[in-house]
Amino acid sequence: QVQLVESGGGLVQPGGSLRLSCAASRRIFSFIVMGWYRQAPGKERELVASITGGFSTRYADSVKGRFTISTDNANMVYLQMNSLKPEDTAVYYCCAAGAYWGQGTQVTVSS
């Protein structure tokens, strides 16, 4: 079992930046894959970014070049989001090994 707690969401103007953090209750290095997902109103949850083994990353096409996922190889996972767009508005969730989920943090991109 592991608990995940996200933070760092908020309201930001288009073109702005946010950094999301996910704190795990224990070391996450033991998990093969850590990921950030998002769910916008009326839409399905989608994978935004994932990191495998602490270094191999994958991104959704919609965020490539703008978002960066990273870990401290201990118990933290981060999502740096730059050049934010209104369509990035969603609840963002941290996920460990496809099985454990945080409660989510709201990101709203609006002028």
C-alpha atoms as a PDB file:
ATOM      1  CA  GLN A   1       0.000   0.000   0.000  1.00  0.00           C
ATOM      2  CA  VAL A   2       1.068   3.566  -0.678  1.00  0.00           C
ATOM      3  CA  GLN A   3      -0.671   6.889  -0.241  1.00  0.00           C
ATOM      4  CA  LEU A   4      -0.143   9.675  -2.769  1.00  0.00           C
ATOM      5  CA  VAL A   5      -0.820  13.361  -2.109  1.00  0.00           C
ATOM      6  CA  GLU A   6      -0.738  15.914  -4.916  1.00  0.00           C
ATOM      7  CA  SER A   7      -0.168  19.646  -4.492  1.00  0.00           C
ATOM      8  CA  GLY A   8       0.692  22.691  -6.555  1.00  0.00           C
ATOM      9  CA  GLY A   9      -2.463  23.177  -8.576  1.00  0.00           C
ATOM     10  CA  GLY A  10      -4.206  26.494  -8.961  1.00  0.00           C
ATOM     11  CA  LEU A  11      -5.359  29.213 -11.316  1.00  0.00           C
ATOM     12  CA  VAL A  12      -2.878  30.474 -13.899  1.00  0.00           C
ATOM     13  CA  GLN A  13      -3.105  32.640 -16.990  1.00  0.00           C
ATOM     14  CA  PRO A  14      -2.475  31.204 -20.457  1.00  0.00           C
ATOM     15  CA  GLY A  15       1.250  31.018 -21.102  1.00  0.00           C
ATOM     16  CA  GLY A  16       2.004  30.644 -17.412  1.00  0.00           C
ATOM     17  CA  SER A  17       3.655  27.836 -15.475  1.00  0.00           C
ATOM     18  CA  LEU A  18       2.856  25.547 -12.570  1.00  0.00           C
ATOM     19  CA  ARG A  19       4.763  22.803 -10.830  1.00  0.00           C
ATOM     20  CA  LEU A  20       2.773  19.905  -9.450  1.00  0.00           C
ATOM     21  CA  SER A  21       4.197  17.722  -6.700  1.00  0.00           C
ATOM     22  CA  CYS A  22       3.212  14.221  -5.614  1.00  0.00           C
ATOM     23  CA  ALA A  23       4.360  12.952  -2.243  1.00  0.00           C
ATOM     24  CA  ALA A  24       4.306   9.198  -1.683  1.00  0.00           C
ATOM     25  CA  SER A  25       4.047   7.659   1.769  1.00  0.00           C
ATOM     26  CA  ARG A  26       7.102   5.538   1.073  1.00  0.00           C
ATOM     27  CA  ARG A  27       9.912   5.221  -1.401  1.00  0.00           C
ATOM     28  CA  ILE A  28       8.580   5.071  -4.934  1.00  0.00           C
ATOM     29  CA  PHE A  29      11.723   3.826  -6.571  1.00  0.00           C
ATOM     30  CA  SER A  30      10.366   0.342  -6.084  1.00  0.00           C
ATOM     31  CA  PHE A  31       7.504   1.116  -8.441  1.00  0.00           C
ATOM     32  CA  ILE A  32       8.254   0.529 -12.073  1.00  0.00           C
ATOM     33  CA  VAL A  33       6.094   3.350 -13.448  1.00  0.00           C
ATOM     34  CA  MET A  34       4.953   6.639 -11.970  1.00  0.00           C
ATOM     35  CA  GLY A  35       2.518   8.767 -13.912  1.00  0.00           C
ATOM     36  CA  TRP A  36       0.514  11.960 -14.053  1.00  0.00           C
ATOM     37  CA  TYR A  37      -3.004  11.763 -15.466  1.00  0.00           C
ATOM     38  CA  ARG A  38      -5.659  14.409 -15.945  1.00  0.00           C
ATOM     39  CA  GLN A  39      -9.407  14.510 -16.313  1.00  0.00           C
ATOM     40  CA  ALA A  40     -11.307  17.464 -17.704  1.00  0.00           C
ATOM     41  CA  PRO A  41     -15.075  17.895 -17.192  1.00  0.00           C
ATOM     42  CA  GLY A  42     -17.023  15.534 -19.441  1.00  0.00           C
ATOM     43  CA  LYS A  43     -13.876  13.782 -20.649  1.00  0.00           C
ATOM     44  CA  GLU A  44     -12.125  10.538 -19.826  1.00  0.00           C
ATOM     45  CA  ARG A  45      -9.022  10.437 -17.682  1.00  0.00           C
ATOM     46  CA  GLU A  46      -5.904  10.546 -19.863  1.00  0.00           C
ATOM     47  CA  LEU A  47      -2.221   9.910 -19.344  1.00  0.00           C
ATOM     48  CA  VAL A  48      -0.190  13.108 -19.426  1.00  0.00           C
ATOM     49  CA  ALA A  49       3.294  11.846 -18.600  1.00  0.00           C
ATOM     50  CA  SER A  50       5.010   8.824 -17.114  1.00  0.00           C
ATOM     51  CA  ILE A  51       8.454   7.973 -15.837  1.00  0.00           C
ATOM     52  CA  THR A  52       9.886   4.458 -15.665  1.00  0.00           C
ATOM     53  CA  GLY A  53      12.788   3.405 -13.503  1.00  0.00           C
ATOM     54  CA  GLY A  54      13.313   7.016 -12.520  1.00  0.00           C
ATOM     55  CA  PHE A  55      14.610   8.148 -15.902  1.00  0.00           C
ATOM     56  CA  SER A  56      12.678   6.897 -18.970  1.00  0.00           C
ATOM     57  CA  THR A  57       9.900   9.367 -19.780  1.00  0.00           C
ATOM     58  CA  ARG A  58       6.857   9.428 -22.046  1.00  0.00           C
ATOM     59  CA  TYR A  59       4.473  12.257 -22.821  1.00  0.00           C
ATOM     60  CA  ALA A  60       1.110  12.751 -24.426  1.00  0.00           C
ATOM     61  CA  ASP A  61       1.476  14.511 -27.784  1.00  0.00           C
ATOM     62  CA  SER A  62      -0.550  17.430 -26.487  1.00  0.00           C
ATOM     63  CA  VAL A  63       2.037  18.282 -23.816  1.00  0.00           C
ATOM     64  CA  LYS A  64       5.343  17.366 -25.472  1.00  0.00           C
ATOM     65  CA  GLY A  65       7.831  20.186 -25.226  1.00  0.00           C
ATOM     66  CA  ARG A  66       5.805  21.950 -22.538  1.00  0.00           C
ATOM     67  CA  PHE A  67       5.602  19.510 -19.609  1.00  0.00           C
ATOM     68  CA  THR A  68       8.411  17.688 -17.822  1.00  0.00           C
ATOM     69  CA  ILE A  69       8.044  14.795 -15.381  1.00  0.00           C
ATOM     70  CA  SER A  70      10.772  14.049 -12.864  1.00  0.00           C
ATOM     71  CA  THR A  71      11.404  12.311  -9.553  1.00  0.00           C
ATOM     72  CA  ASP A  72      13.855  12.632  -6.708  1.00  0.00           C
ATOM     73  CA  ASN A  73      14.165   8.828  -6.732  1.00  0.00           C
ATOM     74  CA  ALA A  74      12.942   8.821  -3.148  1.00  0.00           C
ATOM     75  CA  ASN A  75       9.290   9.653  -2.574  1.00  0.00           C
ATOM     76  CA  MET A  76       8.514  12.655  -4.793  1.00  0.00           C
ATOM     77  CA  VAL A  77       7.260  12.967  -8.364  1.00  0.00           C
ATOM     78  CA  TYR A  78       6.964  16.332 -10.095  1.00  0.00           C
ATOM     79  CA  LEU A  79       5.253  17.691 -13.179  1.00  0.00           C
ATOM     80  CA  GLN A  80       6.629  20.990 -14.451  1.00  0.00           C
ATOM     81  CA  MET A  81       4.050  22.588 -16.734  1.00  0.00           C
ATOM     82  CA  ASN A  82       5.072  25.510 -18.948  1.00  0.00           C
ATOM     83  CA  SER A  83       3.276  27.455 -21.670  1.00  0.00           C
ATOM     84  CA  LEU A  84      -0.054  26.409 -20.215  1.00  0.00           C
ATOM     85  CA  LYS A  85      -3.155  26.545 -22.389  1.00  0.00           C
ATOM     86  CA  PRO A  86      -6.845  26.711 -21.479  1.00  0.00           C
ATOM     87  CA  GLU A  87      -7.217  23.136 -22.738  1.00  0.00           C
ATOM     88  CA  ASP A  88      -4.824  21.999 -19.994  1.00  0.00           C
ATOM     89  CA  THR A  89      -7.541  22.769 -17.464  1.00  0.00           C
ATOM     90  CA  ALA A  90      -8.326  19.574 -15.566  1.00  0.00           C
ATOM     91  CA  VAL A  91      -7.928  17.716 -12.317  1.00  0.00           C
ATOM     92  CA  TYR A  92      -4.443  16.216 -12.300  1.00  0.00           C
ATOM     93  CA  TYR A  93      -3.797  12.877 -10.586  1.00  0.00           C
ATOM     94  CA  CYS A  94      -0.619  11.147  -9.545  1.00  0.00           C
ATOM     95  CA  CYS A  95      -0.496   7.380 -10.062  1.00  0.00           C
ATOM     96  CA  ALA A  96       1.917   4.693  -8.903  1.00  0.00           C
ATOM     97  CA  ALA A  97       2.248   1.442 -10.811  1.00  0.00           C
ATOM     98  CA  GLY A  98      -1.153   1.942 -12.366  1.00  0.00           C
ATOM     99  CA  ALA A  99      -2.766   0.935  -9.111  1.00  0.00           C
ATOM    100  CA  TYR A 100      -2.465   3.678  -6.507  1.00  0.00           C
ATOM    101  CA  TRP A 101      -3.995   7.112  -7.001  1.00  0.00           C
ATOM    102  CA  GLY A 102      -3.902  10.457  -5.275  1.00  0.00           C
ATOM    103  CA  GLN A 103      -6.947  12.614  -4.652  1.00  0.00           C
ATOM    104  CA  GLY A 104      -6.119  15.016  -7.467  1.00  0.00           C
ATOM    105  CA  THR A 105      -5.293  18.706  -7.718  1.00  0.00           C
ATOM    106  CA  GLN A 106      -7.208  21.219  -9.830  1.00  0.00           C
ATOM    107  CA  VAL A 107      -5.385  23.150 -12.545  1.00  0.00           C
ATOM    108  CA  THR A 108      -7.295  25.985 -14.187  1.00  0.00           C
ATOM    109  CA  VAL A 109      -5.813  27.952 -17.069  1.00  0.00           C
ATOM    110  CA  SER A 110      -7.831  31.079 -17.729  1.00  0.00           C
ATOM    111  CA  SER A 111      -7.435  34.787 -18.260  1.00  0.00           C
END
